[in-house]
C-alpha atoms as a PDB file:
ATOM      1  CA  MET A   1      39.615   1.471  -7.676  1.00  0.00           C
ATOM      2  CA  THR A   2      36.733   3.660  -8.222  1.00  0.00           C
ATOM      3  CA  PHE A   3      33.253   3.527  -6.703  1.00  0.00           C
ATOM      4  CA  ALA A   4      32.261   1.775  -9.951  1.00  0.00           C
ATOM      5  CA  THR A   5      34.622  -0.985  -9.949  1.00  0.00           C
ATOM      6  CA  LEU A   6      33.910  -1.934  -6.166  1.00  0.00           C
ATOM      7  CA  LEU A   7      30.097  -2.150  -7.414  1.00  0.00           C
ATOM      8  CA  ALA A   8      30.948  -4.322 -10.475  1.00  0.00           C
ATOM      9  CA  VAL A   9      33.240  -6.725  -8.453  1.00  0.00           C
ATOM     10  CA  ALA A  10      30.905  -7.058  -5.334  1.00  0.00           C
ATOM     11  CA  GLU A  11      27.929  -8.112  -8.195  1.00  0.00           C
ATOM     12  CA  GLU A  12      30.181 -10.812  -9.507  1.00  0.00           C
ATOM     13  CA  ALA A  13      31.118 -11.920  -6.083  1.00  0.00           C
ATOM     14  CA  GLU A  14      27.291 -12.235  -4.802  1.00  0.00           C
ATOM     15  CA  THR A  15      26.115 -15.154  -4.451  1.00  0.00           C
ATOM     16  CA  HIS A  16      22.488 -16.350  -3.509  1.00  0.00           C
ATOM     17  CA  GLY A  17      21.069 -18.841  -1.027  1.00  0.00           C
ATOM     18  CA  ASN A  18      19.349 -21.727  -1.254  1.00  0.00           C
ATOM     19  CA  ILE A  19      15.848 -20.341  -3.154  1.00  0.00           C
ATOM     20  CA  PRO A  20      14.130 -23.500  -2.900  1.00  0.00           C
ATOM     21  CA  LEU A  21      14.916 -23.663   0.726  1.00  0.00           C
ATOM     22  CA  GLU A  22      13.980 -19.891   1.135  1.00  0.00           C
ATOM     23  CA  THR A  23      10.456 -20.490  -0.444  1.00  0.00           C
ATOM     24  CA  ILE A  24       9.840 -23.700   1.897  1.00  0.00           C
ATOM     25  CA  GLY A  25      11.072 -22.203   5.057  1.00  0.00           C
ATOM     26  CA  PHE A  26       8.947 -18.690   4.971  1.00  0.00           C
ATOM     27  CA  PRO A  27       5.736 -20.237   4.232  1.00  0.00           C
ATOM     28  CA  ILE A  28       6.868 -23.025   7.742  1.00  0.00           C
ATOM     29  CA  ILE A  29       7.216 -20.119   9.169  1.00  0.00           C
ATOM     30  CA  ALA A  30       4.063 -18.296   8.827  1.00  0.00           C
ATOM     31  CA  LEU A  31       2.008 -21.844   9.342  1.00  0.00           C
ATOM     32  CA  VAL A  32       3.630 -21.822  12.777  1.00  0.00           C
ATOM     33  CA  VAL A  33       2.725 -18.146  13.798  1.00  0.00           C
ATOM     34  CA  PHE A  34      -0.886 -18.365  12.259  1.00  0.00           C
ATOM     35  CA  PHE A  35      -1.203 -21.677  14.324  1.00  0.00           C
ATOM     36  CA  ALA A  36       0.125 -20.490  17.489  1.00  0.00           C
ATOM     37  CA  LEU A  37      -1.948 -17.284  16.874  1.00  0.00           C
ATOM     38  CA  ALA A  38      -5.100 -19.530  16.400  1.00  0.00           C
ATOM     39  CA  MET A  39      -4.580 -21.350  19.745  1.00  0.00           C
ATOM     40  CA  VAL A  40      -4.486 -17.993  21.541  1.00  0.00           C
ATOM     41  CA  ALA A  41      -7.945 -17.373  19.799  1.00  0.00           C
ATOM     42  CA  LEU A  42      -9.447 -20.480  20.732  1.00  0.00           C
ATOM     43  CA  SER A  43      -8.484 -20.102  24.167  1.00  0.00           C
ATOM     44  CA  TYR A  44     -10.393 -17.662  24.407  1.00  0.00           C
ATOM     45  CA  ARG A  45     -13.723 -19.515  23.431  1.00  0.00           C
ATOM     46  CA  ASN A  46     -16.549 -19.895  25.647  1.00  0.00           C
ATOM     47  CA  VAL A  47     -15.351 -17.669  28.643  1.00  0.00           C
ATOM     48  CA  ALA A  48     -18.301 -16.333  29.336  1.00  0.00           C
ATOM     49  CA  ASN A  49     -19.982 -19.700  29.900  1.00  0.00           C
ATOM     50  CA  ARG A  50     -17.005 -20.816  32.380  1.00  0.00           C
ATOM     51  CA  HIS A  51     -18.230 -17.123  34.516  1.00  0.00           C
ATOM     52  CA  ALA A  52     -22.090 -17.663  34.002  1.00  0.00           C
ATOM     53  CA  HIS A  53     -22.160 -17.628  38.207  1.00  0.00           C
ATOM     54  CA  LYS A  54     -20.374 -14.240  38.089  1.00  0.00           C
ATOM     55  CA  ALA A  55     -22.821 -12.959  35.488  1.00  0.00           C
ATOM     56  CA  GLU A  56     -26.128 -14.124  37.584  1.00  0.00           C
ATOM     57  CA  VAL A  57     -25.019 -12.303  40.909  1.00  0.00           C
ATOM     58  CA  TYR A  58     -24.257  -9.130  38.493  1.00  0.00           C
ATOM     59  CA  ALA A  59     -27.768  -9.717  37.384  1.00  0.00           C
ATOM     60  CA  GLN A  60     -29.391 -10.038  40.479  1.00  0.00           C
ATOM     61  CA  LYS A  61     -27.492  -6.676  42.285  1.00  0.00           C
ATOM     62  CA  HIS A  62     -28.334  -4.103  39.222  1.00  0.00           C
ATOM     63  CA  ALA A  63     -31.345  -5.795  37.912  1.00  0.00           C
ATOM     64  CA  LYS A  64     -32.759  -2.047  38.150  1.00  0.00           C
ATOM     65  CA  ASP A  65     -30.280  -0.744  36.172  1.00  0.00           C
ATOM     66  CA  LEU A  66     -30.393  -3.219  33.226  1.00  0.00           C
ATOM     67  CA  GLN A  67     -33.954  -2.892  33.056  1.00  0.00           C
ATOM     68  CA  PRO A  68     -34.691  -0.744  29.340  1.00  0.00           C
ATOM     69  CA  HIS A  69     -35.409   2.903  29.877  1.00  0.00           C
ATOM     70  CA  GLY A  70     -37.141   3.498  26.311  1.00  0.00           C
ATOM     71  CA  HIS A  71     -35.397   5.410  23.736  1.00  0.00           C
ATOM     72  CA  GLY A  72     -31.878   3.561  23.803  1.00  0.00           C
ATOM     73  CA  HIS A  73     -31.133   5.481  27.516  1.00  0.00           C
END
């Protein structure tokens, strides 16, 4: 058998999977991944307010450093 004959036989024997299942499966997987990423993003919501007491203590300790020095320095 030559290489060309092997290619021809392989091409004839090749069967495709269930195309409708593939077209439904990929978007479902994508939606699950995007939903998971959205949950991660939402978990960081309002984090600054959860630690407001730490921000107040820092502001009191570094009040001199937080004052503007003019010309953006």
